[in-house]
Amino acid sequence: MSAQEKNPRSDWRKKNTTAKYGYGDTGIEELRGSVYQYGTQTQAERYLKTTKAIAEYVGKEHGKEMWKLINDKEETEFEEPAEPKEDASKASMEKYKMLLKMNIEDEKRYKRQKAKVFRIIMGQCQSAMRNKVESLPEYSDLEKEDDVIGLLTKMEELAYSTDNVQYEYWTMQASVKRLVTMTQDPKESLMSFSKRFLAQQEMTESVWGKLIPNKLKGQATDLQEKARDKYLACVFLAAVDRHRYKKAVDELNNSFLLGTVDYPEDVPGMLTLLSNRRGGGGTTKEAEALKDGFTATSFAQQRKKGPRQRTIYCYRCGKKGHISRDCPMESDDSSVESNKSNTSAMQTKDNKETERVSWSM
């Protein structure tokens, strides 16, 4: 093992004094532009995006364990192999020694990788964020233990803090706006988007408080929590890609109009429902109709109104409901011609009314 591998801290400090791309960048090309900021209006958003970028990078370079460490904030536990009994065979003892050695090596490798990941995270800090983190009383212990989870937790607290960054109430409205205007990218997986949505939800509630509908304030806590979960589930549904999940949204609306509430009661439930309905399809025009959560026309609405039929006019008398050959009125040809022109005008007006009703349904 080289001296550099034994002491990644010294290598990082050397690199960081001459950062290649500025803003505390470590020089890792895949992480160019992904930096943790402090003292800016976008610091919370930057935290989410940078953490995601680092998780993807270390997952590719150092394996799933490091990805889980950052993305899920979860350590990997290494369970020692069971020690064989006293009367175990020689082959069993040899196998145990081999497994024990492998386990020890895995733990050492894991610790070395954690040290590198710790340095990567600090290296992706803009100077203001790095100075703020290093000034924390607990930073010395975090660095000594290469405590990646503890480091990310402290940085998250700093990123979500609004002290001396901008007016508190401006931060509150901006955070809510970001949540309710989120949209799933066309090529983004549903699971990836759900994680991004839940991270934004967490950030929003950290500055706004629980997103409980105001009309339920003062009621029982469990009712407020259920209302919050249902509201967030619908916010999530409104944000998913319309082209893929149009039919799922349609069916939920249709079922409701027919008297059945099939809407899931929380975001995980909505995620499960949509995961089972991959590829909703739909044209661009149909997808645009979901902007308000409903399509322009749905079968349930058509059933309620009944089938639309073209209105029939008589060219002889000009009245509705029958044609000229069935007209009970006897008339000369001139009156028929006169009624034809009147009837044509009435049909044009009726068609316009029908089109307007259809568009507004």
Protein backbone atom coordinates (compact mmCIF):
# COMPACT_ATOMS: atom_id res chain seq x y z
CA MET A 1 0.00 0.00 0.00
CA SER A 2 1.38 3.41 -0.97
CA ALA A 3 1.85 6.30 1.44
CA GLN A 4 -0.94 8.14 -0.38
CA GLU A 5 -3.42 5.32 0.31
CA LYS A 6 -2.36 5.17 3.95
CA ASN A 7 -2.97 8.88 4.49
CA PRO A 8 -5.65 10.23 2.13
CA ARG A 9 -6.05 13.34 4.30
CA SER A 10 -2.62 14.73 3.37
CA ASP A 11 -3.31 14.12 -0.31
CA TRP A 12 -6.65 15.94 -0.11
CA ARG A 13 -5.18 18.94 1.70
CA LYS A 14 -2.48 19.23 -0.94
CA LYS A 15 -5.03 19.11 -3.75
CA ASN A 16 -7.41 21.49 -2.08
CA THR A 17 -4.85 24.31 -1.81
CA THR A 18 -4.62 24.38 -5.59
CA ALA A 19 -8.17 23.39 -6.53
CA LYS A 20 -8.31 22.89 -10.27
CA TYR A 21 -11.79 24.24 -10.88
CA GLY A 22 -12.27 26.60 -7.92
CA TYR A 23 -15.15 26.72 -5.41
CA GLY A 24 -13.50 23.98 -3.36
CA ASP A 25 -13.70 21.46 -6.21
CA THR A 26 -11.48 18.39 -5.76
CA GLY A 27 -10.70 18.22 -9.45
CA ILE A 28 -12.93 15.19 -10.01
CA GLU A 29 -14.36 15.73 -13.47
CA GLU A 30 -17.64 13.91 -12.73
CA LEU A 31 -18.28 16.29 -9.83
CA ARG A 32 -17.47 19.51 -11.62
CA GLY A 33 -20.06 22.10 -10.59
CA SER A 34 -21.40 19.99 -7.71
CA VAL A 35 -20.48 22.00 -4.64
CA TYR A 36 -21.85 22.56 -1.16
CA GLN A 37 -22.57 26.23 -0.51
CA TYR A 38 -23.31 28.31 2.56
CA GLY A 39 -24.70 31.81 2.71
CA THR A 40 -26.59 31.61 -0.59
CA GLN A 41 -30.28 31.41 -1.42
CA THR A 42 -29.82 28.05 -3.17
CA GLN A 43 -27.73 26.33 -0.50
CA ALA A 44 -30.43 23.78 0.39
CA GLU A 45 -31.00 22.86 -3.26
CA ARG A 46 -27.24 22.66 -3.77
CA TYR A 47 -26.94 20.31 -0.82
CA LEU A 48 -29.47 17.88 -2.33
CA LYS A 49 -27.97 17.93 -5.82
CA THR A 50 -24.34 17.69 -4.67
CA THR A 51 -25.04 14.83 -2.27
CA LYS A 52 -26.81 12.93 -5.03
CA ALA A 53 -23.92 13.53 -7.45
CA ILE A 54 -21.33 12.36 -4.91
CA ALA A 55 -23.39 9.27 -4.08
CA GLU A 56 -23.51 8.30 -7.75
CA TYR A 57 -19.79 8.92 -8.19
CA VAL A 58 -18.58 6.98 -5.14
CA GLY A 59 -21.02 4.18 -5.94
CA LYS A 60 -19.38 3.79 -9.33
CA GLU A 61 -15.82 4.18 -8.05
CA HIS A 62 -15.99 2.47 -4.64
CA GLY A 63 -19.01 0.21 -4.72
CA LYS A 64 -22.55 -0.04 -3.44
CA GLU A 65 -21.50 0.20 0.21
CA MET A 66 -20.27 3.77 -0.26
CA TRP A 67 -23.36 4.67 -2.29
CA LYS A 68 -25.54 3.43 0.57
CA LEU A 69 -23.44 5.33 3.08
CA ILE A 70 -24.18 8.65 1.37
CA ASN A 71 -27.54 8.09 -0.27
CA ASP A 72 -29.23 6.25 2.61
CA LYS A 73 -26.94 7.42 5.45
CA GLU A 74 -26.55 3.80 6.43
CA GLU A 75 -23.39 2.01 7.54
CA THR A 76 -22.53 -1.48 6.29
CA GLU A 77 -22.17 -4.03 9.07
CA PHE A 78 -19.61 -6.83 8.72
CA GLU A 79 -20.67 -9.94 10.57
CA GLU A 80 -17.87 -12.22 11.68
CA PRO A 81 -18.15 -15.87 10.63
CA ALA A 82 -19.37 -18.30 13.27
CA GLU A 83 -16.50 -19.91 15.18
CA PRO A 84 -16.44 -23.69 14.65
CA LYS A 85 -16.93 -26.10 17.53
CA GLU A 86 -14.00 -27.66 19.35
CA ASP A 87 -14.41 -30.97 17.56
CA ALA A 88 -14.65 -29.36 14.12
CA SER A 89 -12.70 -30.90 11.29
CA LYS A 90 -9.48 -29.42 9.99
CA ALA A 91 -11.23 -28.37 6.78
CA SER A 92 -13.88 -26.46 8.77
CA MET A 93 -11.19 -24.68 10.77
CA GLU A 94 -9.35 -23.69 7.60
CA LYS A 95 -12.56 -22.37 6.09
CA TYR A 96 -13.27 -20.36 9.23
CA LYS A 97 -9.79 -18.80 9.17
CA MET A 98 -10.19 -17.89 5.51
CA LEU A 99 -13.61 -16.28 6.08
CA LEU A 100 -12.30 -14.42 9.15
CA LYS A 101 -9.37 -13.07 7.17
CA MET A 102 -11.67 -11.95 4.35
CA ASN A 103 -13.95 -10.24 6.86
CA ILE A 104 -11.04 -8.34 8.42
CA GLU A 105 -9.82 -7.26 4.98
CA ASP A 106 -13.32 -6.10 4.04
CA GLU A 107 -13.53 -3.97 7.17
CA LYS A 108 -10.14 -2.41 6.48
CA ARG A 109 -11.11 -1.68 2.88
CA TYR A 110 -14.39 -0.16 4.05
CA LYS A 111 -12.60 2.17 6.47
CA ARG A 112 -10.12 3.28 3.78
CA GLN A 113 -13.00 4.03 1.42
CA LYS A 114 -14.84 5.99 4.12
CA ALA A 115 -11.74 8.15 4.61
CA LYS A 116 -11.66 8.89 0.89
CA VAL A 117 -15.37 9.67 0.77
CA PHE A 118 -15.03 12.00 3.76
CA ARG A 119 -12.32 13.88 1.87
CA ILE A 120 -14.39 14.01 -1.31
CA ILE A 121 -17.31 15.57 0.56
CA MET A 122 -15.10 18.18 2.22
CA GLY A 123 -13.36 18.79 -1.08
CA GLN A 124 -16.67 19.62 -2.74
CA CYS A 125 -17.39 22.37 -0.21
CA GLN A 126 -17.22 25.98 -1.20
CA SER A 127 -14.88 27.87 1.13
CA ALA A 128 -17.75 29.39 3.15
CA MET A 129 -19.30 25.98 3.82
CA ARG A 130 -15.92 24.37 4.59
CA ASN A 131 -15.02 27.09 7.07
CA LYS A 132 -18.42 26.77 8.73
CA VAL A 133 -18.12 22.99 9.02
CA GLU A 134 -14.54 23.05 10.30
CA SER A 135 -15.53 25.58 12.96
CA LEU A 136 -18.09 23.19 14.46
CA PRO A 137 -17.06 21.89 17.93
CA GLU A 138 -17.67 18.29 16.86
CA TYR A 139 -15.78 18.50 13.58
CA SER A 140 -12.53 17.22 15.07
CA ASP A 141 -14.21 13.99 16.17
CA LEU A 142 -16.02 13.64 12.84
CA GLU A 143 -12.72 13.93 10.97
CA LYS A 144 -10.88 11.58 13.30
CA GLU A 145 -13.49 8.85 12.82
CA ASP A 146 -14.16 9.66 9.15
CA ASP A 147 -17.79 9.87 10.20
CA VAL A 148 -19.44 10.45 6.82
CA ILE A 149 -23.01 10.22 8.14
CA GLY A 150 -22.29 12.66 10.97
CA LEU A 151 -20.63 15.05 8.52
CA LEU A 152 -23.56 14.98 6.10
CA THR A 153 -26.02 15.47 8.95
CA LYS A 154 -24.23 18.62 10.14
CA MET A 155 -23.92 19.96 6.59
CA GLU A 156 -27.60 19.32 6.01
CA GLU A 157 -28.47 21.33 9.12
CA LEU A 158 -26.32 24.19 7.86
CA ALA A 159 -27.79 24.01 4.35
CA TYR A 160 -31.36 24.09 5.65
CA SER A 161 -30.62 26.95 8.01
CA THR A 162 -31.84 30.36 6.83
CA ASP A 163 -29.94 32.45 9.38
CA ASN A 164 -28.29 35.48 7.74
CA VAL A 165 -29.09 34.14 4.26
CA GLN A 166 -32.42 35.74 3.36
CA TYR A 167 -35.65 36.98 4.90
CA GLU A 168 -37.31 34.10 6.76
CA TYR A 169 -40.72 34.43 5.12
CA TRP A 170 -39.23 34.74 1.66
CA THR A 171 -37.43 31.46 2.29
CA MET A 172 -40.70 29.87 3.37
CA GLN A 173 -42.61 30.81 0.22
CA ALA A 174 -39.70 29.85 -2.05
CA SER A 175 -39.44 26.45 -0.41
CA VAL A 176 -43.16 25.72 -0.79
CA LYS A 177 -43.06 26.93 -4.39
CA ARG A 178 -40.19 24.57 -5.22
CA LEU A 179 -42.14 21.65 -3.78
CA VAL A 180 -45.44 22.26 -5.56
CA THR A 181 -43.81 23.09 -8.90
CA MET A 182 -41.49 20.08 -9.01
CA THR A 183 -41.75 17.89 -12.11
CA GLN A 184 -40.32 14.52 -13.02
CA ASP A 185 -37.83 14.69 -15.87
CA PRO A 186 -38.83 12.64 -18.94
CA LYS A 187 -35.86 10.27 -18.51
CA GLU A 188 -35.89 10.24 -14.70
CA SER A 189 -36.93 7.01 -13.00
CA LEU A 190 -39.90 7.09 -10.67
CA MET A 191 -37.78 5.94 -7.73
CA SER A 192 -35.15 8.61 -8.35
CA PHE A 193 -37.83 11.29 -8.59
CA SER A 194 -39.54 10.09 -5.41
CA LYS A 195 -36.28 10.47 -3.49
CA ARG A 196 -35.82 13.96 -4.89
CA PHE A 197 -39.42 14.82 -4.00
CA LEU A 198 -39.14 13.51 -0.43
CA ALA A 199 -35.85 15.38 0.07
CA GLN A 200 -37.53 18.62 -1.08
CA GLN A 201 -40.51 17.88 1.16
CA GLU A 202 -38.19 17.45 4.13
CA MET A 203 -36.45 20.73 3.34
CA THR A 204 -39.76 22.56 2.91
CA GLU A 205 -41.17 21.31 6.20
CA SER A 206 -37.93 22.21 7.97
CA VAL A 207 -38.63 25.90 7.30
CA TRP A 208 -42.42 25.92 6.97
CA GLY A 209 -43.53 23.28 9.43
CA LYS A 210 -45.83 20.34 8.76
CA LEU A 211 -47.84 20.87 5.59
CA ILE A 212 -51.23 20.32 7.19
CA PRO A 213 -54.31 21.75 5.41
CA ASN A 214 -55.37 24.85 7.35
CA LYS A 215 -59.02 23.75 7.66
CA LEU A 216 -57.89 20.82 9.85
CA LYS A 217 -55.86 22.92 12.27
CA GLY A 218 -57.17 22.38 15.77
CA GLN A 219 -58.51 18.89 15.07
CA ALA A 220 -57.08 15.62 16.35
CA THR A 221 -53.39 15.07 15.59
CA ASP A 222 -53.97 11.80 13.75
CA LEU A 223 -56.51 13.47 11.43
CA GLN A 224 -54.05 16.26 10.69
CA GLU A 225 -51.28 13.77 9.89
CA LYS A 226 -53.55 11.78 7.57
CA ALA A 227 -54.63 14.95 5.78
CA ARG A 228 -51.00 15.99 5.35
CA ASP A 229 -50.07 12.58 3.89
CA LYS A 230 -53.00 12.66 1.44
CA TYR A 231 -52.17 16.20 0.36
CA LEU A 232 -48.50 15.35 -0.25
CA ALA A 233 -49.52 12.21 -2.18
CA CYS A 234 -51.55 14.39 -4.55
CA VAL A 235 -48.72 16.92 -4.88
CA PHE A 236 -46.46 14.01 -5.85
CA LEU A 237 -49.03 12.69 -8.33
CA ALA A 238 -49.32 16.11 -9.96
CA ALA A 239 -45.54 16.22 -10.41
CA VAL A 240 -44.97 12.88 -12.19
CA ASP A 241 -44.39 12.71 -15.92
CA ARG A 242 -47.77 13.12 -17.63
CA HIS A 243 -46.83 11.12 -20.69
CA ARG A 244 -46.02 8.02 -18.65
CA TYR A 245 -48.74 8.17 -16.02
CA LYS A 246 -51.69 9.87 -17.70
CA LYS A 247 -53.87 6.75 -17.66
CA ALA A 248 -53.22 6.16 -13.97
CA VAL A 249 -54.32 9.71 -13.14
CA ASP A 250 -57.36 9.30 -15.40
CA GLU A 251 -58.44 6.11 -13.67
CA LEU A 252 -58.14 7.64 -10.21
CA ASN A 253 -60.31 10.56 -11.29
CA ASN A 254 -62.84 8.33 -13.03
CA SER A 255 -63.17 6.07 -10.01
CA PHE A 256 -63.76 9.10 -7.79
CA LEU A 257 -66.47 10.42 -10.11
CA LEU A 258 -68.15 7.03 -9.92
CA GLY A 259 -68.13 7.10 -6.13
CA THR A 260 -64.95 5.14 -5.31
CA VAL A 261 -61.89 6.76 -3.71
CA ASP A 262 -58.83 4.89 -4.97
CA TYR A 263 -56.31 7.65 -4.29
CA PRO A 264 -53.45 6.31 -2.08
CA GLU A 265 -53.21 7.90 1.34
CA ASP A 266 -49.51 8.79 1.30
CA VAL A 267 -46.53 9.21 -1.03
CA PRO A 268 -45.21 5.63 -0.59
CA GLY A 269 -48.68 4.33 -1.50
CA MET A 270 -48.79 6.59 -4.56
CA LEU A 271 -45.31 5.41 -5.54
CA THR A 272 -46.44 1.79 -5.33
CA LEU A 273 -49.53 2.46 -7.43
CA LEU A 274 -47.58 4.26 -10.15
CA SER A 275 -44.81 1.64 -10.12
CA ASN A 276 -47.41 -0.95 -11.08
CA ARG A 277 -48.66 1.25 -13.91
CA ARG A 278 -45.54 1.84 -15.99
CA GLY A 279 -45.89 3.59 -19.32
CA GLY A 280 -49.16 5.47 -19.05
CA GLY A 281 -48.93 6.67 -22.64
CA GLY A 282 -51.13 9.42 -24.05
CA THR A 283 -50.66 12.11 -26.65
CA THR A 284 -49.12 15.51 -25.97
CA LYS A 285 -52.57 17.14 -26.07
CA GLU A 286 -53.94 14.60 -23.61
CA ALA A 287 -50.96 14.99 -21.34
CA GLU A 288 -51.38 18.77 -21.24
CA ALA A 289 -54.91 18.23 -19.98
CA LEU A 290 -53.44 16.90 -16.73
CA LYS A 291 -52.14 20.31 -15.72
CA ASP A 292 -55.09 20.73 -13.39
CA GLY A 293 -55.13 17.07 -12.35
CA PHE A 294 -57.91 16.01 -14.75
CA THR A 295 -58.32 15.27 -18.43
CA ALA A 296 -60.69 17.39 -20.49
CA THR A 297 -63.13 14.52 -21.00
CA SER A 298 -63.33 11.24 -19.13
CA PHE A 299 -65.60 8.30 -19.53
CA ALA A 300 -67.19 8.90 -16.14
CA GLN A 301 -68.19 12.43 -17.14
CA GLN A 302 -69.60 11.12 -20.40
CA ARG A 303 -71.60 8.49 -18.55
CA LYS A 304 -73.03 11.11 -16.23
CA LYS A 305 -74.08 13.35 -19.14
CA GLY A 306 -75.19 10.53 -21.42
CA PRO A 307 -74.11 10.00 -25.04
CA ARG A 308 -73.97 13.12 -27.17
CA GLN A 309 -76.10 13.03 -30.33
CA ARG A 310 -76.28 15.42 -33.28
CA THR A 311 -79.48 17.51 -33.14
CA ILE A 312 -81.80 16.83 -36.13
CA TYR A 313 -83.72 19.69 -37.82
CA CYS A 314 -86.52 19.51 -40.34
CA TYR A 315 -85.92 21.43 -43.60
CA ARG A 316 -89.69 21.82 -44.11
CA CYS A 317 -90.83 23.38 -40.85
CA GLY A 318 -87.49 24.21 -39.18
CA LYS A 319 -88.33 22.35 -35.97
CA LYS A 320 -86.13 19.85 -34.13
CA GLY A 321 -86.65 16.13 -33.80
CA HIS A 322 -87.56 14.95 -37.32
CA ILE A 323 -86.57 15.24 -40.98
CA SER A 324 -88.53 16.77 -43.85
CA ARG A 325 -89.98 13.53 -45.23
CA ASP A 326 -91.56 12.82 -41.84
CA CYS A 327 -92.78 16.39 -41.34
CA PRO A 328 -96.51 16.60 -40.49
CA MET A 329 -96.73 20.10 -42.00
CA GLU A 330 -97.61 20.50 -45.65
CA SER A 331 -95.83 23.41 -47.32
CA ASP A 332 -94.89 24.78 -50.74
CA ASP A 333 -91.33 24.67 -52.11
CA SER A 334 -90.57 28.36 -51.35
CA SER A 335 -91.25 27.90 -47.65
CA VAL A 336 -89.06 24.82 -47.66
CA GLU A 337 -86.16 26.80 -49.15
CA SER A 338 -86.69 29.54 -46.56
CA ASN A 339 -86.71 27.02 -43.73
CA LYS A 340 -83.56 25.38 -45.10
CA SER A 341 -81.57 28.60 -44.66
CA ASN A 342 -83.01 29.18 -41.18
CA THR A 343 -82.33 25.59 -40.19
CA SER A 344 -78.73 25.80 -41.45
CA ALA A 345 -78.12 28.83 -39.23
CA MET A 346 -79.68 27.02 -36.26
CA GLN A 347 -77.45 23.98 -36.87
CA THR A 348 -74.34 26.16 -36.99
CA LYS A 349 -75.28 27.77 -33.68
CA ASP A 350 -76.07 24.39 -32.12
CA ASN A 351 -72.78 22.91 -33.30
CA LYS A 352 -70.89 25.81 -31.71
CA GLU A 353 -72.77 25.28 -28.46
CA THR A 354 -71.97 21.55 -28.61
CA GLU A 355 -68.29 22.27 -29.19
CA ARG A 356 -68.22 24.72 -26.28
CA VAL A 357 -69.86 22.22 -23.93
CA SER A 358 -67.44 19.51 -25.05
CA TRP A 359 -64.41 21.72 -24.42
CA SER A 360 -65.60 22.77 -20.98
CA MET A 361 -66.36 19.24 -19.75
